[in-house]
Every structure is written in C-alpha cells, then in structure tokens.
C-alpha cells in the first residue's frame, strides 16, 4: 500500500460582514445573495459560492427605510451606524495563520441633502 501525505489545498474564504437595522438586499455581480424585508439583520454572508470567476467582483447593497411607504427617509446617522459594521474579510490558511483579516472596508457616502417630494 502506498500513501502520500499532501498538504491541504489553499482555500480562500471570502465573507461579507454587515449589520443592517432596516430592510436590505445584497447583490454580488447583480445576483441577489441575501435579502431581508423585515427590520434587518446581521451576518456574515459567505461569498465564495457566488464568485464565478477570478478578478474584481461587484457588491451592491440596497437599503429601504422600514417606513418608506409612509415617507420614512434614511438619515445620516443610520448610515454611520451601518458603515461601522461593513467589510469584506478573507480567511486564508497561508496568511495570518488562517485568521480572518479585513481586506476591504466599505461605507456608504454621506447624505448631504434630502429631496422632499
């Protein structure tokens, strides 16, 4: 019997960490990968199964104020809360002893004005 020990494959695991306090959709390359139409939730959402090719990926987040139908608007302080909790993380066995590391901090642009309708 012949046995050869091989090193484990280098598996890179990408995750999106977030905490939303309002309804949201997360899209990766224009495909919805997570959706919550209630009052929000937190996560990580694993991204690997949605990445179909090497290279740059496009992550899109759609937020809806829970009371949008009644005129509710997202405020700057809502985005400040969310921005503190957004990031893409990588877990790679060959880097940082396999511990999670932030590879991209994300943030929404600051709301500087509100359109009244």
N, C-alpha and C. Protein backbone atom coordinates (compact mmCIF):
# COMPACT_ATOMS: atom_id res chain seq x y z
N UNK A 1 0.85 -1.18 0.00
CA UNK A 1 0.00 0.00 0.00
C UNK A 1 0.89 1.23 0.00
N UNK A 2 0.56 2.17 -0.85
CA UNK A 2 1.33 3.40 -0.97
C UNK A 2 0.49 4.56 -0.45
N UNK A 3 1.07 5.40 0.39
CA UNK A 3 0.36 6.54 0.96
C UNK A 3 1.26 7.75 0.85
N UNK A 4 0.71 8.81 0.33
CA UNK A 4 1.48 10.05 0.23
C UNK A 4 0.69 11.15 0.91
N UNK A 5 1.32 11.78 1.84
CA UNK A 5 0.65 12.87 2.54
C UNK A 5 0.83 14.14 1.72
N UNK A 6 -0.24 14.78 1.45
CA UNK A 6 -0.18 16.04 0.71
C UNK A 6 -0.69 17.15 1.61
N UNK A 7 -0.22 18.33 1.33
CA UNK A 7 -0.69 19.46 2.13
C UNK A 7 -2.11 19.80 1.70
N UNK A 8 -2.90 20.33 2.63
CA UNK A 8 -4.28 20.69 2.27
C UNK A 8 -4.28 21.80 1.22
N UNK A 9 -5.29 21.82 0.38
CA UNK A 9 -5.35 22.87 -0.64
C UNK A 9 -5.52 24.24 0.02
N UNK A 10 -5.00 25.23 -0.65
CA UNK A 10 -5.13 26.59 -0.14
C UNK A 10 -6.54 27.08 -0.44
N UNK A 11 -7.36 27.13 0.57
CA UNK A 11 -8.74 27.56 0.40
C UNK A 11 -8.88 28.98 0.93
N UNK A 12 -9.29 29.86 0.06
CA UNK A 12 -9.55 31.25 0.45
C UNK A 12 -11.04 31.41 0.61
N UNK A 13 -11.45 31.85 1.78
CA UNK A 13 -12.88 32.04 2.06
C UNK A 13 -13.15 33.53 2.21
N UNK A 14 -14.02 34.04 1.34
CA UNK A 14 -14.41 35.45 1.38
C UNK A 14 -15.77 35.58 2.05
N UNK A 15 -15.89 36.57 2.94
CA UNK A 15 -17.14 36.80 3.66
C UNK A 15 -17.43 38.30 3.70
N UNK A 16 -18.71 38.62 3.67
CA UNK A 16 -19.17 40.00 3.82
C UNK A 16 -19.83 40.12 5.17
N UNK A 17 -19.27 40.97 6.02
CA UNK A 17 -19.82 41.20 7.36
C UNK A 17 -20.61 42.50 7.35
N UNK A 18 -21.77 42.48 8.00
CA UNK A 18 -22.64 43.65 7.99
C UNK A 18 -23.59 43.57 9.18
N UNK A 19 -24.20 44.71 9.45
CA UNK A 19 -25.30 44.79 10.41
C UNK A 19 -26.23 45.89 9.91
N UNK A 20 -27.41 45.48 9.44
CA UNK A 20 -28.38 46.42 8.92
C UNK A 20 -29.57 46.48 9.85
N UNK A 21 -30.02 47.69 10.15
CA UNK A 21 -31.17 47.88 11.02
C UNK A 21 -32.41 48.28 10.22
N UNK A 22 -32.44 47.86 8.97
CA UNK A 22 -33.56 48.16 8.08
C UNK A 22 -33.58 47.11 6.97
N UNK A 23 -34.67 47.01 6.23
CA UNK A 23 -34.74 46.03 5.13
C UNK A 23 -33.61 46.27 4.11
N UNK A 24 -33.13 45.17 3.52
CA UNK A 24 -31.98 45.28 2.61
C UNK A 24 -31.96 44.15 1.60
N UNK A 25 -31.16 44.36 0.56
CA UNK A 25 -30.78 43.33 -0.40
C UNK A 25 -29.28 43.46 -0.61
N UNK A 26 -28.59 42.33 -0.71
CA UNK A 26 -27.18 42.30 -1.05
C UNK A 26 -27.06 41.58 -2.39
N UNK A 27 -26.40 42.22 -3.34
CA UNK A 27 -26.21 41.63 -4.66
C UNK A 27 -24.71 41.50 -4.92
N UNK A 28 -24.31 40.37 -5.46
CA UNK A 28 -22.94 40.18 -5.91
C UNK A 28 -23.00 39.90 -7.40
N UNK A 29 -22.35 40.76 -8.17
CA UNK A 29 -22.38 40.65 -9.63
C UNK A 29 -23.82 40.60 -10.15
N UNK A 30 -24.66 41.46 -9.57
CA UNK A 30 -26.06 41.64 -9.97
C UNK A 30 -26.97 40.45 -9.66
N UNK A 31 -26.54 39.56 -8.77
CA UNK A 31 -27.35 38.42 -8.33
C UNK A 31 -27.64 38.61 -6.84
N UNK A 32 -28.92 38.54 -6.46
CA UNK A 32 -29.27 38.69 -5.04
C UNK A 32 -28.73 37.49 -4.27
N UNK A 33 -27.89 37.77 -3.27
CA UNK A 33 -27.32 36.69 -2.46
C UNK A 33 -27.87 36.68 -1.04
N UNK A 34 -28.49 37.78 -0.63
CA UNK A 34 -29.10 37.86 0.71
C UNK A 34 -30.16 38.93 0.65
N UNK A 35 -31.28 38.66 1.32
CA UNK A 35 -32.39 39.62 1.31
C UNK A 35 -33.16 39.48 2.61
N UNK A 36 -33.56 40.61 3.17
CA UNK A 36 -34.40 40.60 4.36
C UNK A 36 -35.33 41.80 4.24
N UNK A 37 -36.63 41.53 4.20
CA UNK A 37 -37.59 42.62 4.04
C UNK A 37 -38.22 43.02 5.36
N UNK A 38 -37.72 42.47 6.44
CA UNK A 38 -38.21 42.84 7.77
C UNK A 38 -37.40 44.02 8.29
N UNK A 39 -36.99 43.96 9.53
CA UNK A 39 -36.28 45.09 10.14
C UNK A 39 -34.77 44.97 10.08
N UNK A 40 -34.24 44.10 9.25
CA UNK A 40 -32.81 43.98 9.10
C UNK A 40 -32.23 42.80 9.85
N UNK A 41 -30.93 42.63 9.76
CA UNK A 41 -30.22 41.54 10.43
C UNK A 41 -28.73 41.77 10.27
N UNK A 42 -27.96 40.90 10.90
CA UNK A 42 -26.52 40.99 10.73
C UNK A 42 -26.01 39.68 10.17
N UNK A 43 -24.77 39.70 9.75
CA UNK A 43 -24.25 38.48 9.20
C UNK A 43 -22.76 38.49 9.17
N UNK A 44 -22.28 37.30 8.88
CA UNK A 44 -21.55 37.29 7.65
C UNK A 44 -22.35 36.52 6.63
N UNK A 45 -22.14 36.88 5.39
CA UNK A 45 -22.64 36.11 4.26
C UNK A 45 -21.41 35.60 3.52
N UNK A 46 -21.34 34.30 3.32
CA UNK A 46 -20.22 33.71 2.59
C UNK A 46 -20.37 34.05 1.12
N UNK A 47 -19.27 34.44 0.49
CA UNK A 47 -19.31 34.90 -0.89
C UNK A 47 -18.80 33.88 -1.91
N UNK A 48 -17.98 32.94 -1.48
CA UNK A 48 -17.31 32.04 -2.42
C UNK A 48 -18.27 31.38 -3.41
N UNK A 49 -19.39 30.88 -2.95
CA UNK A 49 -20.29 30.14 -3.84
C UNK A 49 -20.92 31.03 -4.90
N UNK A 50 -20.79 32.36 -4.75
CA UNK A 50 -21.38 33.27 -5.73
C UNK A 50 -20.33 33.88 -6.66
N UNK A 51 -19.06 33.58 -6.42
CA UNK A 51 -17.98 34.10 -7.27
C UNK A 51 -17.71 33.08 -8.36
N UNK A 52 -17.98 33.45 -9.59
CA UNK A 52 -17.88 32.51 -10.70
C UNK A 52 -16.57 32.60 -11.48
N UNK A 53 -15.83 33.68 -11.29
CA UNK A 53 -14.56 33.83 -11.99
C UNK A 53 -13.62 34.70 -11.19
N UNK A 54 -12.33 34.57 -11.47
CA UNK A 54 -11.32 35.39 -10.81
C UNK A 54 -11.49 36.85 -11.21
N UNK A 55 -10.97 37.73 -10.39
CA UNK A 55 -10.97 39.14 -10.74
C UNK A 55 -11.89 39.95 -9.83
N UNK A 56 -12.08 41.18 -10.22
CA UNK A 56 -12.88 42.11 -9.44
C UNK A 56 -14.34 41.69 -9.45
N UNK A 57 -14.97 41.82 -8.29
CA UNK A 57 -16.39 41.48 -8.13
C UNK A 57 -17.14 42.77 -7.78
N UNK A 58 -18.42 42.81 -8.09
CA UNK A 58 -19.24 44.00 -7.80
C UNK A 58 -20.26 43.65 -6.73
N UNK A 59 -20.13 44.30 -5.58
CA UNK A 59 -21.06 44.11 -4.46
C UNK A 59 -21.96 45.34 -4.40
N UNK A 60 -23.27 45.10 -4.37
CA UNK A 60 -24.25 46.19 -4.31
C UNK A 60 -25.16 45.95 -3.11
N UNK A 61 -25.47 47.02 -2.40
CA UNK A 61 -26.35 46.94 -1.23
C UNK A 61 -27.52 47.90 -1.46
N UNK A 62 -28.72 47.37 -1.31
CA UNK A 62 -29.92 48.21 -1.42
C UNK A 62 -30.58 48.25 -0.05
N UNK A 63 -30.73 49.46 0.47
CA UNK A 63 -31.39 49.66 1.76
C UNK A 63 -32.73 50.33 1.54
N UNK A 64 -33.70 49.97 2.35
CA UNK A 64 -35.02 50.59 2.30
C UNK A 64 -35.41 50.96 3.72
N UNK A 65 -35.82 52.19 3.92
CA UNK A 65 -36.30 52.59 5.24
C UNK A 65 -37.54 51.75 5.56
N UNK A 66 -37.65 51.23 6.80
CA UNK A 66 -38.80 50.38 7.12
C UNK A 66 -40.15 51.05 6.94
N UNK A 67 -40.17 52.36 6.98
CA UNK A 67 -41.44 53.07 6.82
C UNK A 67 -41.45 53.91 5.55
N UNK A 68 -40.76 53.44 4.50
CA UNK A 68 -40.66 54.19 3.24
C UNK A 68 -42.02 54.47 2.64
N UNK A 69 -42.95 53.53 2.78
CA UNK A 69 -44.29 53.74 2.21
C UNK A 69 -45.01 54.90 2.89
N UNK A 70 -44.59 55.22 4.12
CA UNK A 70 -45.21 56.33 4.85
C UNK A 70 -44.31 57.56 4.86
N UNK A 71 -43.33 57.60 3.96
CA UNK A 71 -42.48 58.78 3.86
C UNK A 71 -41.19 58.70 4.67
N UNK A 72 -40.88 57.55 5.25
CA UNK A 72 -39.65 57.42 6.03
C UNK A 72 -38.41 57.57 5.16
N UNK A 73 -37.41 58.26 5.67
CA UNK A 73 -36.17 58.51 4.94
C UNK A 73 -34.98 57.97 5.73
N UNK A 74 -33.98 57.50 5.02
CA UNK A 74 -32.74 57.07 5.66
C UNK A 74 -31.97 58.33 6.04
N UNK A 75 -31.49 58.39 7.28
CA UNK A 75 -30.80 59.56 7.81
C UNK A 75 -29.29 59.31 7.87
N UNK A 76 -28.49 60.38 7.91
CA UNK A 76 -27.04 60.21 8.00
C UNK A 76 -26.61 59.33 9.17
N UNK A 77 -27.29 59.45 10.32
CA UNK A 77 -26.90 58.65 11.49
C UNK A 77 -27.18 57.16 11.26
N UNK A 78 -28.19 56.84 10.43
CA UNK A 78 -28.44 55.44 10.07
C UNK A 78 -27.24 54.86 9.33
N UNK A 79 -26.71 55.64 8.38
CA UNK A 79 -25.58 55.17 7.60
C UNK A 79 -24.30 55.11 8.42
N UNK A 80 -24.13 56.03 9.37
CA UNK A 80 -22.96 55.97 10.25
C UNK A 80 -22.96 54.67 11.03
N UNK A 81 -24.11 54.29 11.57
CA UNK A 81 -24.24 53.02 12.30
C UNK A 81 -23.86 51.85 11.39
N UNK A 82 -24.39 51.83 10.18
CA UNK A 82 -24.14 50.74 9.24
C UNK A 82 -22.68 50.72 8.78
N UNK A 83 -22.11 51.90 8.48
CA UNK A 83 -20.74 51.98 7.98
C UNK A 83 -19.73 51.38 8.95
N UNK A 84 -19.99 51.51 10.24
CA UNK A 84 -19.07 50.97 11.24
C UNK A 84 -19.03 49.45 11.23
N UNK A 85 -19.92 48.82 10.50
CA UNK A 85 -20.06 47.36 10.55
C UNK A 85 -19.98 46.69 9.17
N UNK A 86 -19.42 47.37 8.18
CA UNK A 86 -19.35 46.82 6.82
C UNK A 86 -17.92 46.46 6.46
N UNK A 87 -17.73 45.26 5.92
CA UNK A 87 -16.41 44.91 5.45
C UNK A 87 -16.38 43.56 4.76
N UNK A 88 -15.40 43.39 3.89
CA UNK A 88 -15.13 42.12 3.24
C UNK A 88 -13.91 41.53 3.93
N UNK A 89 -14.03 40.28 4.33
CA UNK A 89 -12.97 39.60 5.06
C UNK A 89 -12.50 38.37 4.29
N UNK A 90 -11.24 38.03 4.50
CA UNK A 90 -10.64 36.86 3.88
C UNK A 90 -10.09 35.95 4.97
N UNK A 91 -10.37 34.66 4.82
CA UNK A 91 -9.76 33.66 5.67
C UNK A 91 -8.93 32.77 4.76
N UNK A 92 -7.61 32.84 4.91
CA UNK A 92 -6.67 32.11 4.07
C UNK A 92 -5.70 31.37 4.99
N UNK A 93 -5.61 30.07 4.84
CA UNK A 93 -4.75 29.26 5.71
C UNK A 93 -3.29 29.66 5.62
N UNK A 94 -2.88 30.27 4.51
CA UNK A 94 -1.48 30.64 4.32
C UNK A 94 -1.16 32.05 4.79
N UNK A 95 -2.16 32.79 5.19
CA UNK A 95 -1.96 34.17 5.62
C UNK A 95 -2.55 34.35 7.02
N UNK A 96 -1.78 34.97 7.90
CA UNK A 96 -2.26 35.33 9.24
C UNK A 96 -2.76 34.10 10.01
N UNK A 97 -2.11 32.97 9.81
CA UNK A 97 -2.48 31.72 10.50
C UNK A 97 -3.94 31.32 10.30
N UNK A 98 -4.50 31.67 9.18
CA UNK A 98 -5.88 31.29 8.88
C UNK A 98 -6.93 32.13 9.57
N UNK A 99 -6.51 33.20 10.23
CA UNK A 99 -7.48 34.07 10.92
C UNK A 99 -8.09 35.04 9.92
N UNK A 100 -9.30 35.48 10.23
CA UNK A 100 -9.98 36.47 9.39
C UNK A 100 -9.18 37.75 9.33
N UNK A 101 -9.09 38.32 8.14
CA UNK A 101 -8.47 39.63 8.03
C UNK A 101 -9.31 40.50 7.11
N UNK A 102 -9.45 41.74 7.51
CA UNK A 102 -10.21 42.71 6.72
C UNK A 102 -9.43 43.00 5.45
N UNK A 103 -10.06 42.81 4.30
CA UNK A 103 -9.38 43.14 3.05
C UNK A 103 -10.00 44.36 2.36
N UNK A 104 -11.23 44.71 2.75
CA UNK A 104 -11.86 45.89 2.16
C UNK A 104 -12.93 46.43 3.12
N UNK A 105 -12.69 47.61 3.66
CA UNK A 105 -13.71 48.29 4.46
C UNK A 105 -14.65 48.99 3.49
N UNK A 106 -15.93 48.92 3.76
CA UNK A 106 -16.93 49.53 2.89
C UNK A 106 -17.69 50.59 3.65
N UNK A 107 -18.17 51.58 2.92
CA UNK A 107 -19.03 52.58 3.57
C UNK A 107 -19.91 53.26 2.54
N UNK A 108 -21.06 53.67 3.01
CA UNK A 108 -21.97 54.44 2.19
C UNK A 108 -21.49 55.89 2.17
N UNK A 109 -21.79 56.59 1.09
CA UNK A 109 -21.48 58.00 1.02
C UNK A 109 -22.35 58.75 2.02
N UNK A 110 -21.85 59.84 2.51
CA UNK A 110 -22.59 60.67 3.45
C UNK A 110 -23.75 61.36 2.75
N UNK A 111 -24.90 61.36 3.40
CA UNK A 111 -26.06 62.08 2.87
C UNK A 111 -25.87 63.56 3.22
N UNK A 112 -25.84 64.38 2.18
CA UNK A 112 -25.61 65.81 2.42
C UNK A 112 -26.88 66.63 2.23
N UNK A 113 -27.89 66.04 1.61
CA UNK A 113 -29.15 66.75 1.41
C UNK A 113 -30.27 65.73 1.26
N UNK A 114 -31.46 66.19 1.52
CA UNK A 114 -32.64 65.33 1.42
C UNK A 114 -33.58 65.95 0.40
N UNK A 115 -34.05 65.15 -0.53
CA UNK A 115 -35.02 65.63 -1.50
C UNK A 115 -36.43 65.46 -0.91
N UNK A 116 -37.18 66.50 -0.93
CA UNK A 116 -38.55 66.45 -0.45
C UNK A 116 -39.48 66.34 -1.66
N UNK A 117 -40.43 65.45 -1.54
CA UNK A 117 -41.37 65.29 -2.65
C UNK A 117 -42.77 65.65 -2.20
